Amino acid sequence: MALSTITARVDEQDKASFDAFCASVGLNTSTAINLFVKAVLRQNRIPFEISQNSDPFYSYQNQAYILKSVNELREGRGTAHGLIEVDDG
């Protein structure tokens, strides 16, 4: 099988971190990228979720819950309170 080269530009620190991760799991960068390519071709999709907001706060379910809670407060149900600050130290 003939081989071909893929060239991609990535942040220098990201590349160093990726190389270190690959080494820590017994791979080299080329092998890790080939695993990704094979997974894409096998599944016919990107093999992980891609979303604009990975923060669970912005999930559909949480936003619906917040909207429901705000509506309940506006209707006089529930209790409003101030922010409770926690010292992380």
N, C-alpha and C. Protein backbone atom coordinates (compact mmCIF):
# COMPACT_ATOMS: atom_id res chain seq x y z
N MET A 1 0.85 -1.17 0.00
CA MET A 1 0.00 0.00 0.00
C MET A 1 0.90 1.23 0.00
N ALA A 2 0.64 2.14 -0.92
CA ALA A 2 1.41 3.38 -0.99
C ALA A 2 0.99 4.32 0.13
N LEU A 3 1.94 5.04 0.68
CA LEU A 3 1.65 5.98 1.76
C LEU A 3 1.63 7.39 1.21
N SER A 4 0.88 8.24 1.88
CA SER A 4 0.78 9.64 1.52
C SER A 4 1.01 10.46 2.79
N THR A 5 1.33 11.73 2.61
CA THR A 5 1.62 12.60 3.75
C THR A 5 0.50 13.61 3.93
N ILE A 6 0.09 13.79 5.17
CA ILE A 6 -0.86 14.84 5.53
C ILE A 6 -0.09 15.88 6.33
N THR A 7 -0.23 17.14 5.96
CA THR A 7 0.43 18.22 6.69
C THR A 7 -0.64 19.09 7.32
N ALA A 8 -0.49 19.37 8.61
CA ALA A 8 -1.44 20.22 9.30
C ALA A 8 -0.68 21.18 10.20
N ARG A 9 -1.19 22.39 10.31
CA ARG A 9 -0.58 23.36 11.21
C ARG A 9 -1.32 23.32 12.53
N VAL A 10 -0.56 23.21 13.61
CA VAL A 10 -1.13 23.23 14.96
C VAL A 10 -0.25 24.12 15.83
N ASP A 11 -0.85 24.58 16.91
CA ASP A 11 -0.11 25.38 17.87
C ASP A 11 1.08 24.58 18.39
N GLU A 12 2.20 25.24 18.55
CA GLU A 12 3.44 24.58 18.97
C GLU A 12 3.27 23.86 20.31
N GLN A 13 2.63 24.51 21.27
CA GLN A 13 2.42 23.89 22.58
C GLN A 13 1.45 22.72 22.49
N ASP A 14 0.41 22.86 21.65
CA ASP A 14 -0.53 21.74 21.46
C ASP A 14 0.19 20.53 20.88
N LYS A 15 1.08 20.76 19.93
CA LYS A 15 1.82 19.65 19.32
C LYS A 15 2.70 18.97 20.35
N ALA A 16 3.39 19.76 21.15
CA ALA A 16 4.26 19.18 22.18
C ALA A 16 3.43 18.37 23.17
N SER A 17 2.29 18.90 23.58
CA SER A 17 1.41 18.18 24.52
C SER A 17 0.87 16.91 23.88
N PHE A 18 0.48 16.99 22.60
CA PHE A 18 -0.04 15.81 21.90
C PHE A 18 1.04 14.75 21.77
N ASP A 19 2.25 15.15 21.39
CA ASP A 19 3.37 14.21 21.29
C ASP A 19 3.62 13.52 22.63
N ALA A 20 3.58 14.31 23.71
CA ALA A 20 3.82 13.75 25.04
C ALA A 20 2.71 12.77 25.42
N PHE A 21 1.46 13.14 25.12
CA PHE A 21 0.35 12.22 25.40
C PHE A 21 0.52 10.92 24.63
N CYS A 22 0.79 11.03 23.33
CA CYS A 22 0.95 9.84 22.51
C CYS A 22 2.05 8.94 23.08
N ALA A 23 3.18 9.53 23.46
CA ALA A 23 4.28 8.74 24.02
C ALA A 23 3.85 8.06 25.32
N SER A 24 3.02 8.76 26.12
CA SER A 24 2.60 8.20 27.41
C SER A 24 1.68 6.99 27.25
N VAL A 25 1.02 6.87 26.09
CA VAL A 25 0.15 5.71 25.85
C VAL A 25 0.76 4.74 24.84
N GLY A 26 2.05 4.93 24.57
CA GLY A 26 2.78 3.99 23.72
C GLY A 26 2.59 4.16 22.23
N LEU A 27 2.20 5.35 21.80
CA LEU A 27 2.01 5.63 20.37
C LEU A 27 2.96 6.73 19.94
N ASN A 28 3.14 6.85 18.64
CA ASN A 28 3.76 8.06 18.13
C ASN A 28 2.67 8.89 17.46
N THR A 29 2.98 10.11 17.14
CA THR A 29 1.98 11.02 16.59
C THR A 29 1.37 10.48 15.30
N SER A 30 2.18 9.95 14.43
CA SER A 30 1.70 9.42 13.16
C SER A 30 0.70 8.28 13.36
N THR A 31 0.98 7.40 14.30
CA THR A 31 0.08 6.28 14.58
C THR A 31 -1.25 6.80 15.13
N ALA A 32 -1.19 7.77 16.03
CA ALA A 32 -2.42 8.33 16.61
C ALA A 32 -3.28 8.97 15.52
N ILE A 33 -2.66 9.70 14.61
CA ILE A 33 -3.42 10.33 13.53
C ILE A 33 -4.00 9.27 12.60
N ASN A 34 -3.24 8.21 12.34
CA ASN A 34 -3.76 7.11 11.52
C ASN A 34 -4.94 6.42 12.20
N LEU A 35 -4.91 6.28 13.52
CA LEU A 35 -6.05 5.72 14.25
C LEU A 35 -7.29 6.58 14.05
N PHE A 36 -7.11 7.90 14.11
CA PHE A 36 -8.22 8.83 13.88
C PHE A 36 -8.78 8.67 12.47
N VAL A 37 -7.91 8.65 11.47
CA VAL A 37 -8.34 8.51 10.07
C VAL A 37 -9.12 7.20 9.89
N LYS A 38 -8.61 6.10 10.42
CA LYS A 38 -9.29 4.81 10.29
C LYS A 38 -10.65 4.83 10.98
N ALA A 39 -10.74 5.47 12.15
CA ALA A 39 -12.02 5.55 12.86
C ALA A 39 -13.04 6.35 12.04
N VAL A 40 -12.60 7.46 11.43
CA VAL A 40 -13.50 8.26 10.59
C VAL A 40 -14.01 7.42 9.42
N LEU A 41 -13.13 6.72 8.76
CA LEU A 41 -13.52 5.92 7.60
C LEU A 41 -14.42 4.74 8.00
N ARG A 42 -14.13 4.12 9.15
CA ARG A 42 -14.93 2.98 9.60
C ARG A 42 -16.34 3.41 10.00
N GLN A 43 -16.44 4.57 10.72
CA GLN A 43 -17.73 5.02 11.23
C GLN A 43 -18.44 5.99 10.28
N ASN A 44 -17.72 6.46 9.28
CA ASN A 44 -18.24 7.42 8.32
C ASN A 44 -18.72 8.71 9.02
N ARG A 45 -17.98 9.09 10.04
CA ARG A 45 -18.27 10.32 10.79
C ARG A 45 -17.06 10.64 11.66
N ILE A 46 -17.04 11.86 12.21
CA ILE A 46 -16.02 12.20 13.19
C ILE A 46 -16.33 11.34 14.44
N PRO A 47 -15.36 10.62 14.98
CA PRO A 47 -15.66 9.64 16.04
C PRO A 47 -15.81 10.23 17.45
N PHE A 48 -16.19 11.47 17.53
CA PHE A 48 -16.48 12.08 18.83
C PHE A 48 -17.41 13.25 18.58
N GLU A 49 -18.10 13.68 19.65
CA GLU A 49 -19.06 14.77 19.51
C GLU A 49 -18.32 16.09 19.33
N ILE A 50 -18.81 16.90 18.41
CA ILE A 50 -18.29 18.24 18.21
C ILE A 50 -19.44 19.19 18.51
N SER A 51 -19.23 20.06 19.48
CA SER A 51 -20.29 21.00 19.82
C SER A 51 -19.70 22.37 20.07
N GLN A 52 -20.54 23.35 19.93
CA GLN A 52 -20.09 24.72 20.11
C GLN A 52 -19.75 24.97 21.57
N ASN A 53 -20.57 24.48 22.46
CA ASN A 53 -20.36 24.68 23.89
C ASN A 53 -20.24 23.34 24.58
N SER A 54 -19.05 22.99 25.03
CA SER A 54 -18.89 21.72 25.73
C SER A 54 -19.20 21.86 27.22
N ASP A 55 -19.44 23.09 27.67
CA ASP A 55 -19.79 23.32 29.07
C ASP A 55 -21.21 22.80 29.30
N PRO A 56 -21.41 21.87 30.25
CA PRO A 56 -22.75 21.32 30.48
C PRO A 56 -23.78 22.38 30.88
N PHE A 57 -23.33 23.52 31.37
CA PHE A 57 -24.25 24.60 31.71
C PHE A 57 -25.11 24.98 30.51
N TYR A 58 -24.52 24.94 29.31
CA TYR A 58 -25.21 25.37 28.10
C TYR A 58 -25.97 24.25 27.40
N SER A 59 -26.04 23.08 28.02
CA SER A 59 -26.76 21.98 27.39
C SER A 59 -28.24 22.33 27.28
N TYR A 60 -28.91 21.71 26.34
CA TYR A 60 -30.34 21.95 26.14
C TYR A 60 -31.12 21.65 27.42
N GLN A 61 -30.78 20.52 28.06
CA GLN A 61 -31.50 20.12 29.27
C GLN A 61 -31.35 21.15 30.38
N ASN A 62 -30.13 21.63 30.60
CA ASN A 62 -29.91 22.59 31.67
C ASN A 62 -30.57 23.93 31.36
N GLN A 63 -30.51 24.37 30.12
CA GLN A 63 -31.15 25.63 29.74
C GLN A 63 -32.67 25.55 29.92
N ALA A 64 -33.25 24.40 29.59
CA ALA A 64 -34.69 24.21 29.79
C ALA A 64 -35.02 24.25 31.28
N TYR A 65 -34.19 23.63 32.11
CA TYR A 65 -34.40 23.63 33.56
C TYR A 65 -34.32 25.06 34.11
N ILE A 66 -33.34 25.82 33.66
CA ILE A 66 -33.19 27.21 34.12
C ILE A 66 -34.40 28.04 33.72
N LEU A 67 -34.84 27.90 32.48
CA LEU A 67 -36.01 28.66 32.01
C LEU A 67 -37.25 28.29 32.82
N LYS A 68 -37.43 27.00 33.09
CA LYS A 68 -38.56 26.56 33.92
C LYS A 68 -38.48 27.19 35.31
N SER A 69 -37.30 27.20 35.90
CA SER A 69 -37.11 27.78 37.24
C SER A 69 -37.38 29.28 37.25
N VAL A 70 -36.91 29.98 36.22
CA VAL A 70 -37.15 31.43 36.13
C VAL A 70 -38.65 31.70 36.02
N ASN A 71 -39.34 30.92 35.20
CA ASN A 71 -40.79 31.10 35.05
C ASN A 71 -41.52 30.83 36.36
N GLU A 72 -41.08 29.82 37.09
CA GLU A 72 -41.69 29.55 38.40
C GLU A 72 -41.50 30.72 39.35
N LEU A 73 -40.31 31.30 39.37
CA LEU A 73 -40.07 32.46 40.23
C LEU A 73 -40.95 33.64 39.82
N ARG A 74 -41.08 33.85 38.52
CA ARG A 74 -41.92 34.96 38.03
C ARG A 74 -43.39 34.75 38.39
N GLU A 75 -43.80 33.50 38.51
CA GLU A 75 -45.18 33.18 38.87
C GLU A 75 -45.38 33.15 40.38
N GLY A 76 -44.36 33.49 41.14
CA GLY A 76 -44.48 33.54 42.60
C GLY A 76 -44.22 32.22 43.29
N ARG A 77 -43.79 31.22 42.54
CA ARG A 77 -43.46 29.94 43.15
C ARG A 77 -41.95 29.87 43.34
N GLY A 78 -41.50 29.21 44.37
CA GLY A 78 -40.07 29.09 44.62
C GLY A 78 -39.57 30.22 45.50
N THR A 79 -38.29 30.19 45.81
CA THR A 79 -37.68 31.18 46.68
C THR A 79 -36.42 31.72 46.00
N ALA A 80 -36.35 33.03 45.88
CA ALA A 80 -35.15 33.66 45.35
C ALA A 80 -34.18 33.90 46.50
N HIS A 81 -32.91 33.69 46.27
CA HIS A 81 -31.91 33.96 47.30
C HIS A 81 -30.66 34.53 46.63
N GLY A 82 -29.81 35.10 47.44
CA GLY A 82 -28.57 35.68 46.92
C GLY A 82 -27.56 34.60 46.58
N LEU A 83 -26.49 35.02 45.97
CA LEU A 83 -25.40 34.12 45.60
C LEU A 83 -24.72 33.61 46.85
N ILE A 84 -24.51 32.34 46.91
CA ILE A 84 -23.81 31.72 48.03
C ILE A 84 -22.37 31.51 47.58
N GLU A 85 -21.44 32.24 48.18
CA GLU A 85 -20.04 32.14 47.79
C GLU A 85 -19.35 31.10 48.66
N VAL A 86 -18.49 30.32 48.04
CA VAL A 86 -17.76 29.27 48.74
C VAL A 86 -16.28 29.58 48.61
N ASP A 87 -15.57 29.50 49.72
CA ASP A 87 -14.14 29.71 49.71
C ASP A 87 -13.44 28.42 49.26
N ASP A 88 -12.74 28.47 48.13
CA ASP A 88 -12.08 27.28 47.60
C ASP A 88 -10.79 26.94 48.35
N GLY A 89 -10.34 27.85 49.18
CA GLY A 89 -9.05 27.66 49.86
C GLY A 89 -9.16 26.81 51.00
